[in-house]
Amino acid sequence: MPIPSRSRRLAGPAAAVLALLFTGAGCAAPPGGAGPTALHLSAATPPARGDIDGFTWALYAEPPVLDYLYAFDYPQNTVLANVCESLMRWTPQLTLEPGLAEKATQTDPTTWVYDLRPDVRFHSGATLTADDAVASLSRHLDPELGSYWVEDFKNVESVEKTGPLQITVHLTTPDALFPQAMANSAGTVARAATMAEQGKAFGTADGGLDCTGPFRLGEWEQGASLRLDRFDGYWGKRAKAGHVTFAFLPDSAARTNALLTGEVDGSFAVPPESMSRLRAADDGHLYSGESLTTVNLAVADLGGTLADVRVRRALMLALDREGFAKGAMRGAATPTGSLVAKGTWRGGPPDPGSVHRDLEEAKRLVDEAGARGRKLTVASSPLGPDVALLAVAVQDAGRRIGLDVEIRTVAPDAFTALFSDPEARKGLDLFPYTYYLSVTDPLSMYANFRTGQFENYAGYSSPAYDALADEATAEYDPARRAVLTARLAEMASDEAVCLPVAEYPGSVYLSRRITGAPTTISYMYAPWAAEVGAP
């Protein structure tokens, strides 16, 4: 899924930025030679051996809301995964396991039955029932609420109670992605009565939450921090920490300093520019794990200069992805021609795509399209160096092949809106974004380019692509689905509907006083903070 603020910040004039990207010094690997291939990837940090009063965790942004309908980004999900739970959940190895549903059964190609765990308590003290699960999933089907997860329900005909602790989901057509989506926020269950009572205040600082996770929502000091308190009535393993305080630190340098001084104990998604300092820290450790994450350039408008596929292909050929991966990402990334990380295929066919740079061919395509001198506008934002450096890399690539690329700097909050509001994208041709998969299946990325999809930002439409995507979605056999998805990947690459740049592993920094956090992106959809405790 797109990461509404999954990008970072530019500092200094464009000349300095270009020097970082394209000089030998800027292309050096991090100290110690730890390029992407030298990293040791693990699923988790060493397990905690004891309880702890509490710990503090850094977030790069404050969650705008914690209603699971709109939990579509790192900050929201990092918090919410510990408070609210889904029918299924991710393991640190990025596989599925039962969550609030102790069993999921497919009775026919279009019917899924979920049997809920007995004696599960909400934070209010009420007991979980099938009515709560039906109400929670049905909210995604209400157009008035505008769920960001609505695409996961596009093939849902109905959600009904079929027992005191059983719900049945009827699909209009077979959908291999739907059961996988029940592990992310699309499958979240909250108390029906509380949601009805709070209305639009649900999930806000004024309204609160009523869920089943190992932590309950505590004090939310807007603009500063948010606290979670251990829920002693939790049905599963008791959390090792009595509380977790999330500190909102949007400035990457301030966030790094807070980690180094011990002001905060840990953080996911460590900025690339901070990795060398954190690797060298005496009072903590930097870990890496699989993130299912890629850095891309979203095409925002197919009605302007990028309407001609030859111009989009030319940009792909001209972009210095190697320089970006080594410079902007400090060697923590690998250039790629794929929109999904290699590990996502899990033994299936490789995703086609090349990182070969060919400026002469790119110039020829621009001239053939009659686009020389045409203007393009790419978004940048002061969220961290990588998004701004990528915008500058696009500008440099355009200059080299005869395009006039303008950079438009967008405020962090406005940048977030690019992912949900078509009006916010007006006037833009491209914007950098980091994309993580919320379903561990490459099809979940390539299904985005079907006609009318929520995340089809450019409005791309192809009957042939739609038909193939529908065929892949209806295929429950993983091997056959992977073959179909590989064909989609080839079509998406040929049409250049989104421009892949690099992939990189996840990162987590822990002070020496805590351990137990996952290193993979599983923290988005599993109660990770419950495992954090004393070494």
Protein backbone atom coordinates (compact mmCIF):
# COMPACT_ATOMS: atom_id res chain seq x y z
CA MET A 1 0.00 0.00 0.00
CA PRO A 2 1.19 3.53 -0.55
CA ILE A 3 2.70 5.22 2.38
CA PRO A 4 1.06 8.61 2.69
CA SER A 5 4.11 10.11 4.32
CA ARG A 6 6.53 7.42 3.40
CA SER A 7 9.20 9.80 2.28
CA ARG A 8 11.67 12.20 3.81
CA ARG A 9 13.44 15.58 3.38
CA LEU A 10 15.81 17.77 1.32
CA ALA A 11 18.42 19.97 2.98
CA GLY A 12 20.58 22.49 1.12
CA PRO A 13 20.59 23.82 -2.44
CA ALA A 14 20.09 21.64 -5.47
CA ALA A 15 23.78 21.73 -6.39
CA ALA A 16 24.71 20.18 -3.07
CA VAL A 17 22.02 17.56 -3.50
CA LEU A 18 23.34 16.61 -6.92
CA ALA A 19 26.82 16.36 -5.50
CA LEU A 20 25.58 13.88 -2.92
CA LEU A 21 23.82 11.83 -5.57
CA PHE A 22 26.39 11.75 -8.29
CA THR A 23 29.88 12.14 -6.84
CA GLY A 24 32.10 9.34 -5.63
CA ALA A 25 31.88 10.53 -2.02
CA GLY A 26 28.10 10.48 -2.09
CA CYS A 27 28.06 7.00 -3.57
CA ALA A 28 30.15 5.41 -0.84
CA ALA A 29 28.62 2.59 1.18
CA PRO A 30 27.99 3.25 4.87
CA PRO A 31 31.02 3.04 7.18
CA GLY A 32 32.13 -0.52 7.62
CA GLY A 33 31.12 -1.48 4.08
CA ALA A 34 27.58 -2.32 5.06
CA GLY A 35 25.85 -2.07 1.71
CA PRO A 36 22.51 -3.78 1.15
CA THR A 37 24.07 -7.13 0.32
CA ALA A 38 26.21 -7.05 3.48
CA LEU A 39 23.28 -6.61 5.84
CA HIS A 40 22.27 -9.49 8.07
CA LEU A 41 18.50 -9.82 7.93
CA SER A 42 16.63 -11.41 10.81
CA ALA A 43 12.96 -11.78 11.73
CA ALA A 44 13.32 -10.44 15.25
CA THR A 45 15.67 -9.03 17.84
CA PRO A 46 16.73 -11.25 20.77
CA PRO A 47 13.69 -12.20 22.89
CA ALA A 48 13.01 -10.26 26.07
CA ARG A 49 13.70 -12.12 29.32
CA GLY A 50 11.89 -9.89 31.75
CA ASP A 51 9.22 -7.26 32.28
CA ILE A 52 9.80 -3.53 32.14
CA ASP A 53 7.82 -0.58 33.48
CA GLY A 54 7.62 1.00 30.07
CA PHE A 55 9.52 2.25 27.06
CA THR A 56 9.43 5.18 24.64
CA TRP A 57 9.19 4.77 20.86
CA ALA A 58 9.84 7.39 18.17
CA LEU A 59 7.40 8.02 15.32
CA TYR A 60 8.24 10.31 12.41
CA ALA A 61 4.69 11.70 12.42
CA GLU A 62 1.63 11.88 14.63
CA PRO A 63 -1.23 9.61 13.56
CA PRO A 64 -3.99 11.90 12.27
CA VAL A 65 -6.56 9.36 13.49
CA LEU A 66 -6.57 5.79 14.85
CA ASP A 67 -9.82 4.60 13.33
CA TYR A 68 -8.78 1.40 11.53
CA LEU A 69 -10.72 2.49 8.43
CA TYR A 70 -8.06 5.14 7.85
CA ALA A 71 -5.00 3.35 9.27
CA PHE A 72 -3.11 3.48 5.98
CA ASP A 73 0.39 4.55 6.97
CA TYR A 74 3.33 3.70 9.23
CA PRO A 75 2.47 5.92 12.23
CA GLN A 76 -1.15 4.80 12.51
CA ASN A 77 -0.44 1.10 12.07
CA THR A 78 2.63 1.07 14.30
CA VAL A 79 0.39 2.23 17.16
CA LEU A 80 -2.89 0.58 16.24
CA ALA A 81 -1.42 -2.93 15.85
CA ASN A 82 -1.00 -3.03 19.63
CA VAL A 83 -4.49 -1.77 20.48
CA CYS A 84 -6.83 -3.28 17.90
CA GLU A 85 -6.64 -6.76 16.38
CA SER A 86 -7.70 -8.36 13.13
CA LEU A 87 -9.21 -11.72 12.33
CA MET A 88 -5.78 -12.91 11.22
CA ARG A 89 -2.32 -11.51 11.91
CA TRP A 90 1.23 -11.49 10.57
CA THR A 91 4.08 -13.43 12.14
CA PRO A 92 7.63 -11.98 12.28
CA GLN A 93 8.38 -14.25 9.31
CA LEU A 94 5.57 -12.50 7.36
CA THR A 95 3.29 -15.51 7.24
CA LEU A 96 -0.35 -15.58 8.40
CA GLU A 97 -1.59 -16.99 11.69
CA PRO A 98 -4.91 -16.83 13.55
CA GLY A 99 -5.76 -13.57 15.26
CA LEU A 100 -9.21 -12.95 16.71
CA ALA A 101 -10.44 -15.75 14.48
CA GLU A 102 -9.13 -19.07 15.78
CA LYS A 103 -10.12 -20.69 12.48
CA ALA A 104 -10.72 -19.53 8.88
CA THR A 105 -12.47 -21.97 6.54
CA GLN A 106 -13.13 -21.68 2.82
CA THR A 107 -16.32 -23.64 2.18
CA ASP A 108 -16.48 -22.85 -1.55
CA PRO A 109 -14.65 -20.44 -3.92
CA THR A 110 -16.75 -17.48 -2.78
CA THR A 111 -17.41 -18.21 0.89
CA TRP A 112 -15.15 -17.70 3.93
CA VAL A 113 -16.19 -18.64 7.46
CA TYR A 114 -14.40 -17.16 10.48
CA ASP A 115 -14.81 -18.73 13.92
CA LEU A 116 -13.95 -16.24 16.65
CA ARG A 117 -12.07 -16.97 19.84
CA PRO A 118 -14.26 -17.34 22.94
CA ASP A 119 -13.96 -15.18 26.05
CA VAL A 120 -12.13 -12.29 24.37
CA ARG A 121 -12.61 -8.99 26.21
CA PHE A 122 -12.72 -5.48 24.85
CA HIS A 123 -10.94 -2.75 26.78
CA SER A 124 -14.34 -1.59 28.03
CA GLY A 125 -14.92 -5.01 29.59
CA ALA A 126 -17.52 -6.21 27.06
CA THR A 127 -17.12 -9.65 25.49
CA LEU A 128 -16.39 -10.10 21.78
CA THR A 129 -19.28 -11.47 19.71
CA ALA A 130 -20.00 -12.12 16.06
CA ASP A 131 -22.06 -8.91 16.02
CA ASP A 132 -18.89 -6.90 16.66
CA ALA A 133 -17.04 -8.60 13.80
CA VAL A 134 -19.94 -8.10 11.38
CA ALA A 135 -20.24 -4.42 12.31
CA SER A 136 -16.49 -3.88 12.03
CA LEU A 137 -16.10 -5.40 8.57
CA SER A 138 -19.34 -3.87 7.31
CA ARG A 139 -18.02 -0.35 7.94
CA HIS A 140 -15.71 -0.82 4.95
CA LEU A 141 -18.77 -1.32 2.76
CA ASP A 142 -20.35 2.00 3.79
CA PRO A 143 -19.48 4.63 1.13
CA GLU A 144 -20.39 7.39 3.58
CA LEU A 145 -17.43 6.39 5.77
CA GLY A 146 -14.92 6.30 2.91
CA SER A 147 -12.70 3.48 4.15
CA TYR A 148 -9.16 3.55 2.75
CA TRP A 149 -9.35 -0.27 2.64
CA VAL A 150 -12.42 -0.38 0.42
CA GLU A 151 -10.56 -2.13 -2.42
CA ASP A 152 -10.11 -5.21 -0.21
CA PHE A 153 -13.91 -5.41 -0.08
CA LYS A 154 -14.63 -4.80 -3.75
CA ASN A 155 -15.70 -8.43 -4.20
CA VAL A 156 -17.58 -8.74 -0.90
CA GLU A 157 -21.30 -9.32 -1.34
CA SER A 158 -22.21 -9.64 2.34
CA VAL A 159 -20.89 -10.19 5.86
CA GLU A 160 -23.31 -12.05 8.11
CA LYS A 161 -23.50 -13.57 11.57
CA THR A 162 -23.85 -17.36 11.31
CA GLY A 163 -23.33 -18.19 14.99
CA PRO A 164 -22.65 -16.48 18.34
CA LEU A 165 -18.92 -16.55 17.52
CA GLN A 166 -19.02 -17.08 13.77
CA ILE A 167 -19.26 -14.81 10.75
CA THR A 168 -19.51 -15.74 7.08
CA VAL A 169 -18.25 -13.58 4.23
CA HIS A 170 -19.85 -14.12 0.83
CA LEU A 171 -17.91 -12.93 -2.23
CA THR A 172 -19.31 -12.09 -5.64
CA THR A 173 -16.34 -13.78 -7.30
CA PRO A 174 -13.29 -15.74 -6.08
CA ASP A 175 -10.74 -13.39 -4.51
CA ALA A 176 -7.36 -14.75 -3.36
CA LEU A 177 -6.37 -11.41 -1.83
CA PHE A 178 -9.38 -11.08 0.48
CA PRO A 179 -8.43 -13.79 3.02
CA GLN A 180 -4.90 -12.38 3.12
CA ALA A 181 -6.26 -8.89 3.77
CA MET A 182 -8.00 -10.11 6.92
CA ALA A 183 -4.60 -9.87 8.63
CA ASN A 184 -4.25 -6.13 8.05
CA SER A 185 -6.48 -3.23 9.05
CA ALA A 186 -9.19 -4.45 6.69
CA GLY A 187 -9.81 -7.32 9.11
CA THR A 188 -9.81 -5.26 12.33
CA VAL A 189 -12.56 -5.84 14.87
CA ALA A 190 -13.73 -3.20 17.37
CA ARG A 191 -16.74 -3.09 19.66
CA ALA A 192 -19.89 -2.35 17.67
CA ALA A 193 -21.67 -0.45 20.46
CA THR A 194 -18.72 1.88 21.05
CA MET A 195 -18.32 2.67 17.35
CA ALA A 196 -22.02 3.45 17.07
CA GLU A 197 -21.93 5.63 20.18
CA GLN A 198 -18.83 7.62 19.22
CA GLY A 199 -19.55 8.04 15.53
CA LYS A 200 -16.95 10.26 13.88
CA ALA A 201 -15.09 10.66 17.18
CA PHE A 202 -14.08 6.99 17.13
CA GLY A 203 -10.31 6.67 16.89
CA THR A 204 -9.65 10.33 17.68
CA ALA A 205 -8.04 11.91 20.73
CA ASP A 206 -11.52 12.95 21.88
CA GLY A 207 -13.29 9.68 21.24
CA GLY A 208 -10.76 6.91 21.86
CA LEU A 209 -10.89 3.22 20.92
CA ASP A 210 -12.51 0.05 22.22
CA CYS A 211 -10.60 -2.97 20.97
CA THR A 212 -9.07 -6.23 22.22
CA GLY A 213 -5.28 -5.80 21.96
CA PRO A 214 -2.64 -6.18 24.69
CA PHE A 215 -2.55 -2.39 25.15
CA ARG A 216 -5.34 0.15 25.53
CA LEU A 217 -5.25 3.76 24.39
CA GLY A 218 -4.05 6.07 27.17
CA GLU A 219 -3.27 9.78 27.15
CA TRP A 220 -2.95 11.38 23.73
CA GLU A 221 -1.18 14.73 23.93
CA GLN A 222 -1.71 16.03 20.45
CA GLY A 223 1.41 17.38 18.81
CA ALA A 224 3.71 15.66 21.31
CA SER A 225 3.04 12.05 22.30
CA LEU A 226 0.59 9.20 22.73
CA ARG A 227 0.62 6.60 25.50
CA LEU A 228 -0.61 3.01 25.52
CA ASP A 229 -1.23 1.19 28.80
CA ARG A 230 -1.09 -2.55 29.29
CA PHE A 231 -4.49 -4.27 29.22
CA ASP A 232 -4.42 -6.91 31.91
CA GLY A 233 -7.62 -8.51 30.59
CA TYR A 234 -5.94 -9.48 27.31
CA TRP A 235 -6.85 -12.95 26.00
CA GLY A 236 -3.30 -13.70 24.81
CA LYS A 237 0.17 -13.41 26.25
CA ARG A 238 0.50 -10.59 28.77
CA ALA A 239 2.58 -7.62 27.53
CA LYS A 240 6.01 -7.35 29.10
CA ALA A 241 5.88 -3.55 29.32
CA GLY A 242 3.45 -1.68 31.54
CA HIS A 243 3.14 1.12 29.02
CA VAL A 244 4.47 2.44 25.72
CA THR A 245 4.90 6.14 24.97
CA PHE A 246 5.08 7.14 21.31
CA ALA A 247 6.95 10.41 20.79
CA PHE A 248 6.19 12.37 17.61
CA LEU A 249 9.53 13.47 16.14
CA PRO A 250 9.10 14.56 12.51
CA ASP A 251 12.63 15.92 12.14
CA SER A 252 14.95 13.01 11.26
CA ALA A 253 17.99 14.61 12.91
CA ALA A 254 16.07 15.22 16.13
CA ARG A 255 14.78 11.66 16.01
CA THR A 256 18.29 10.28 15.63
CA ASN A 257 19.62 12.43 18.46
CA ALA A 258 16.79 11.26 20.70
CA LEU A 259 17.79 7.65 20.01
CA LEU A 260 21.47 8.31 20.65
CA THR A 261 20.88 10.20 23.90
CA GLY A 262 18.39 7.68 25.25
CA GLU A 263 15.48 10.13 25.21
CA VAL A 264 13.62 7.42 23.29
CA ASP A 265 14.35 3.70 23.40
CA GLY A 266 13.63 2.62 19.85
CA SER A 267 12.27 3.31 16.41
CA PHE A 268 11.34 1.53 13.19
CA ALA A 269 12.10 2.89 9.71
CA VAL A 270 15.42 4.48 10.62
CA PRO A 271 16.31 7.25 8.12
CA PRO A 272 19.14 6.19 5.76
CA GLU A 273 21.15 9.28 6.65
CA SER A 274 21.20 8.18 10.31
CA MET A 275 22.24 4.56 9.89
CA SER A 276 26.00 5.03 10.14
CA ARG A 277 25.68 6.97 13.43
CA LEU A 278 23.32 4.42 14.91
CA ARG A 279 25.48 1.48 13.83
CA ALA A 280 28.36 3.03 15.72
CA ALA A 281 26.33 3.75 18.88
CA ASP A 282 27.56 2.21 22.13
CA ASP A 283 24.20 2.21 23.89
CA GLY A 284 22.04 0.47 21.30
CA HIS A 285 21.90 -1.76 18.26
CA LEU A 286 20.61 -1.36 14.70
CA TYR A 287 18.88 -4.42 13.20
CA SER A 288 17.60 -5.15 9.69
CA GLY A 289 14.78 -7.33 8.40
CA GLU A 290 12.54 -7.90 5.40
CA SER A 291 10.32 -4.92 4.71
CA LEU A 292 8.37 -5.72 1.49
CA THR A 293 9.20 -2.12 0.62
CA THR A 294 10.16 -0.33 -2.56
CA VAL A 295 10.86 3.29 -3.49
CA ASN A 296 8.98 4.38 -6.59
CA LEU A 297 7.80 7.32 -8.63
CA ALA A 298 4.04 7.44 -8.86
CA VAL A 299 2.62 8.73 -12.11
CA ALA A 300 -0.01 11.27 -11.09
CA ASP A 301 -1.27 12.44 -14.48
CA LEU A 302 -1.58 10.63 -17.80
CA GLY A 303 -3.13 13.65 -19.48
CA GLY A 304 -0.04 15.84 -19.86
CA THR A 305 3.54 15.24 -20.92
CA LEU A 306 3.43 11.70 -19.55
CA ALA A 307 0.41 10.79 -21.70
CA ASP A 308 2.87 9.35 -24.22
CA VAL A 309 4.29 6.06 -22.91
CA ARG A 310 7.55 6.84 -24.73
CA VAL A 311 8.20 9.73 -22.34
CA ARG A 312 7.53 7.50 -19.33
CA ARG A 313 9.89 4.87 -20.73
CA ALA A 314 12.49 7.56 -21.39
CA LEU A 315 12.44 8.64 -17.76
CA MET A 316 12.90 5.01 -16.71
CA LEU A 317 15.94 4.76 -18.94
CA ALA A 318 17.41 8.10 -17.83
CA LEU A 319 16.98 7.85 -14.07
CA ASP A 320 20.19 7.07 -12.19
CA ARG A 321 18.77 4.50 -9.80
CA GLU A 322 22.22 3.23 -8.88
CA GLY A 323 23.26 6.71 -7.83
CA PHE A 324 20.08 7.19 -5.80
CA ALA A 325 20.46 3.85 -4.01
CA LYS A 326 24.07 4.53 -3.09
CA GLY A 327 23.81 8.25 -2.45
CA ALA A 328 20.39 9.20 -1.11
CA MET A 329 19.82 5.83 0.56
CA ARG A 330 23.41 5.66 1.85
CA GLY A 331 23.95 2.23 0.33
CA ALA A 332 21.03 0.76 2.29
CA ALA A 333 19.02 0.11 -0.87
CA THR A 334 19.34 -1.90 -4.07
CA PRO A 335 18.31 -0.36 -7.42
CA THR A 336 15.47 -2.27 -9.02
CA GLY A 337 13.28 -2.41 -12.08
CA SER A 338 10.53 -4.11 -10.07
CA LEU A 339 7.65 -2.54 -8.17
CA VAL A 340 7.81 -5.23 -5.47
CA ALA A 341 10.72 -6.53 -3.41
CA LYS A 342 12.32 -9.73 -4.70
CA GLY A 343 11.52 -11.64 -1.52
CA THR A 344 7.83 -11.10 -2.09
CA TRP A 345 7.75 -13.71 -4.84
CA ARG A 346 8.82 -16.41 -2.36
CA GLY A 347 10.15 -18.84 -4.92
CA GLY A 348 7.76 -17.84 -7.69
CA PRO A 349 8.79 -16.42 -11.05
CA PRO A 350 11.05 -13.37 -10.97
CA ASP A 351 9.55 -9.99 -11.65
CA PRO A 352 10.78 -8.62 -15.01
CA GLY A 353 12.58 -5.32 -14.94
CA SER A 354 16.00 -3.84 -15.57
CA VAL A 355 18.01 -1.03 -13.99
CA HIS A 356 20.03 -0.49 -17.17
CA ARG A 357 20.54 3.24 -17.88
CA ASP A 358 20.58 4.36 -21.51
CA LEU A 359 20.53 8.13 -22.02
CA GLU A 360 20.85 7.95 -25.79
CA GLU A 361 17.81 5.71 -26.13
CA ALA A 362 15.93 7.93 -23.69
CA LYS A 363 16.71 11.00 -25.80
CA ARG A 364 15.56 9.18 -28.92
CA LEU A 365 12.23 8.30 -27.28
CA VAL A 366 11.67 11.90 -26.15
CA ASP A 367 12.37 13.20 -29.64
CA GLU A 368 10.17 10.52 -31.21
CA ALA A 369 7.34 11.58 -28.91
CA GLY A 370 7.88 15.25 -29.83
CA ALA A 371 8.32 16.03 -26.13
CA ARG A 372 11.65 17.87 -26.14
CA GLY A 373 11.32 20.99 -23.98
CA ARG A 374 7.99 19.83 -22.50
CA LYS A 375 7.40 20.50 -18.82
CA LEU A 376 7.00 17.97 -16.02
CA THR A 377 6.27 18.71 -12.37
CA VAL A 378 7.52 16.37 -9.64
CA ALA A 379 6.63 16.71 -5.95
CA SER A 380 9.15 16.99 -3.15
CA SER A 381 8.63 17.42 0.59
CA PRO A 382 10.66 18.26 3.73
CA LEU A 383 10.07 14.83 5.26
CA GLY A 384 13.62 13.52 4.86
CA PRO A 385 16.43 13.52 2.30
CA ASP A 386 15.40 10.54 0.21
CA VAL A 387 12.16 11.96 -1.21
CA ALA A 388 13.80 15.26 -2.08
CA LEU A 389 16.89 13.61 -3.52
CA LEU A 390 14.72 11.43 -5.72
CA ALA A 391 12.89 14.50 -6.99
CA VAL A 392 16.25 16.07 -7.83
CA ALA A 393 17.34 12.85 -9.53
CA VAL A 394 14.23 13.05 -11.72
CA GLN A 395 15.02 16.67 -12.53
CA ASP A 396 18.58 15.73 -13.49
CA ALA A 397 17.38 12.83 -15.64
CA GLY A 398 14.87 15.08 -17.40
CA ARG A 399 17.51 17.74 -18.07
CA ARG A 400 19.79 15.14 -19.67
CA ILE A 401 17.13 13.98 -22.14
CA GLY A 402 15.53 17.30 -23.04
CA LEU A 403 12.64 17.59 -20.56
CA ASP A 404 11.95 20.62 -18.37
CA VAL A 405 11.36 19.19 -14.88
CA GLU A 406 10.09 21.51 -12.17
CA ILE A 407 10.21 20.52 -8.50
CA ARG A 408 7.23 21.55 -6.39
CA THR A 409 7.85 21.38 -2.63
CA VAL A 410 4.81 20.16 -0.73
CA ALA A 411 4.32 20.46 3.05
CA PRO A 412 4.32 17.13 4.93
CA ASP A 413 0.58 17.19 5.65
CA ALA A 414 -0.20 18.08 2.06
CA PHE A 415 2.13 15.34 0.85
CA THR A 416 0.10 12.83 2.84
CA ALA A 417 -3.02 14.00 1.01
CA LEU A 418 -1.50 13.00 -2.34
CA PHE A 419 -2.37 9.39 -1.54
CA SER A 420 -6.05 9.89 -0.85
CA ASP A 421 -7.18 13.13 -2.51
CA PRO A 422 -7.18 13.54 -6.32
CA GLU A 423 -7.46 17.31 -5.86
CA ALA A 424 -4.13 17.32 -3.99
CA ARG A 425 -2.45 15.70 -7.01
CA LYS A 426 -3.64 18.33 -9.49
CA GLY A 427 -0.77 19.98 -11.32
CA LEU A 428 1.65 17.14 -10.55
CA ASP A 429 3.00 14.61 -13.02
CA LEU A 430 5.06 12.51 -10.61
CA PHE A 431 5.63 12.13 -6.89
CA PRO A 432 8.11 9.94 -4.98
CA TYR A 433 6.66 7.39 -2.66
CA THR A 434 7.79 4.45 -0.62
CA TYR A 435 5.42 1.51 -0.90
CA TYR A 436 5.04 -1.42 1.45
CA LEU A 437 2.79 -4.37 0.81
CA SER A 438 -0.04 -4.90 3.29
CA VAL A 439 -0.61 -8.36 1.82
CA THR A 440 2.43 -10.59 1.33
CA ASP A 441 1.55 -11.27 -2.30
CA PRO A 442 2.99 -9.35 -5.29
CA LEU A 443 -0.48 -9.31 -6.84
CA SER A 444 -1.54 -6.77 -4.23
CA MET A 445 0.76 -4.22 -5.90
CA TYR A 446 -0.09 -5.00 -9.50
CA ALA A 447 -3.84 -5.11 -8.81
CA ASN A 448 -3.54 -1.38 -8.06
CA PHE A 449 -3.43 -0.55 -11.77
CA ARG A 450 -6.85 -1.90 -12.60
CA THR A 451 -9.31 0.68 -13.85
CA GLY A 452 -10.78 2.70 -11.00
CA GLN A 453 -8.60 1.29 -8.22
CA PHE A 454 -8.13 3.59 -5.20
CA GLU A 455 -4.34 3.53 -5.59
CA ASN A 456 -4.34 3.90 -9.38
CA TYR A 457 -3.26 7.53 -9.06
CA ALA A 458 -2.71 8.14 -12.78
CA GLY A 459 -6.08 6.76 -13.82
CA TYR A 460 -4.48 4.11 -16.02
CA SER A 461 -7.03 1.96 -17.82
CA SER A 462 -6.54 -1.12 -19.98
CA PRO A 463 -9.20 -3.80 -20.61
CA ALA A 464 -6.48 -6.39 -21.21
CA TYR A 465 -4.74 -5.51 -17.95
CA ASP A 466 -8.04 -5.54 -16.04
CA ALA A 467 -8.94 -8.97 -17.41
CA LEU A 468 -5.57 -10.45 -16.46
CA ALA A 469 -5.71 -8.88 -12.99
CA ASP A 470 -9.18 -10.32 -12.45
CA GLU A 471 -7.96 -13.75 -13.56
CA ALA A 472 -5.01 -13.59 -11.15
CA THR A 473 -7.21 -12.40 -8.28
CA ALA A 474 -9.60 -15.33 -8.78
CA GLU A 475 -6.76 -17.87 -8.70
CA TYR A 476 -6.31 -19.42 -5.24
CA ASP A 477 -3.38 -21.63 -6.21
CA PRO A 478 -0.25 -19.60 -5.25
CA ALA A 479 1.99 -21.00 -8.01
CA ARG A 480 -0.51 -20.37 -10.79
CA ARG A 481 -1.33 -16.94 -9.35
CA ALA A 482 2.37 -16.05 -9.35
CA VAL A 483 2.65 -16.89 -13.07
CA LEU A 484 -0.30 -14.63 -13.86
CA THR A 485 1.10 -11.88 -11.64
CA ALA A 486 4.43 -12.05 -13.46
CA ARG A 487 2.55 -11.33 -16.69
CA LEU A 488 0.90 -8.33 -15.01
CA ALA A 489 4.31 -7.13 -13.87
CA GLU A 490 5.58 -7.29 -17.44
CA MET A 491 2.59 -5.30 -18.69
CA ALA A 492 2.96 -2.68 -15.95
CA SER A 493 6.66 -2.34 -16.75
CA ASP A 494 6.01 -2.01 -20.49
CA GLU A 495 3.35 0.65 -19.91
CA ALA A 496 5.50 2.37 -17.22
CA VAL A 497 2.39 3.04 -15.13
CA CYS A 498 4.60 3.49 -12.08
CA LEU A 499 8.38 3.89 -12.11
CA PRO A 500 10.35 1.58 -9.76
CA VAL A 501 13.58 2.91 -8.26
CA ALA A 502 14.94 0.84 -5.38
CA GLU A 503 14.10 -1.70 -2.69
CA TYR A 504 15.44 -1.75 0.82
CA PRO A 505 15.21 -3.77 4.03
CA GLY A 506 13.46 -2.62 7.17
CA SER A 507 15.37 -1.30 10.14
CA VAL A 508 14.82 -1.02 13.88
CA TYR A 509 17.04 0.60 16.49
CA LEU A 510 16.83 -0.51 20.12
CA SER A 511 18.57 0.92 23.15
CA ARG A 512 20.32 -1.62 25.35
CA ARG A 513 17.55 -1.46 27.94
CA ILE A 514 14.97 -3.17 25.69
CA THR A 515 14.73 -6.04 23.22
CA GLY A 516 12.12 -8.27 21.59
CA ALA A 517 10.87 -6.08 18.73
CA PRO A 518 10.51 -7.58 15.25
CA THR A 519 12.89 -6.47 12.52
CA THR A 520 10.44 -7.16 9.68
CA ILE A 521 7.45 -5.08 8.67
CA SER A 522 5.24 -7.50 10.64
CA TYR A 523 4.95 -4.74 13.25
CA MET A 524 2.30 -3.12 11.06
CA TYR A 525 -0.20 -5.92 11.63
CA ALA A 526 0.71 -7.74 14.84
CA PRO A 527 0.95 -6.61 18.51
CA TRP A 528 4.72 -6.20 18.43
CA ALA A 529 5.06 -4.00 21.54
CA ALA A 530 3.78 -6.83 23.75
CA GLU A 531 7.05 -8.70 23.11
CA VAL A 532 9.31 -5.79 24.05
CA GLY A 533 10.85 -6.03 27.48
CA ALA A 534 14.10 -6.25 29.42
CA PRO A 535 17.07 -8.12 27.87
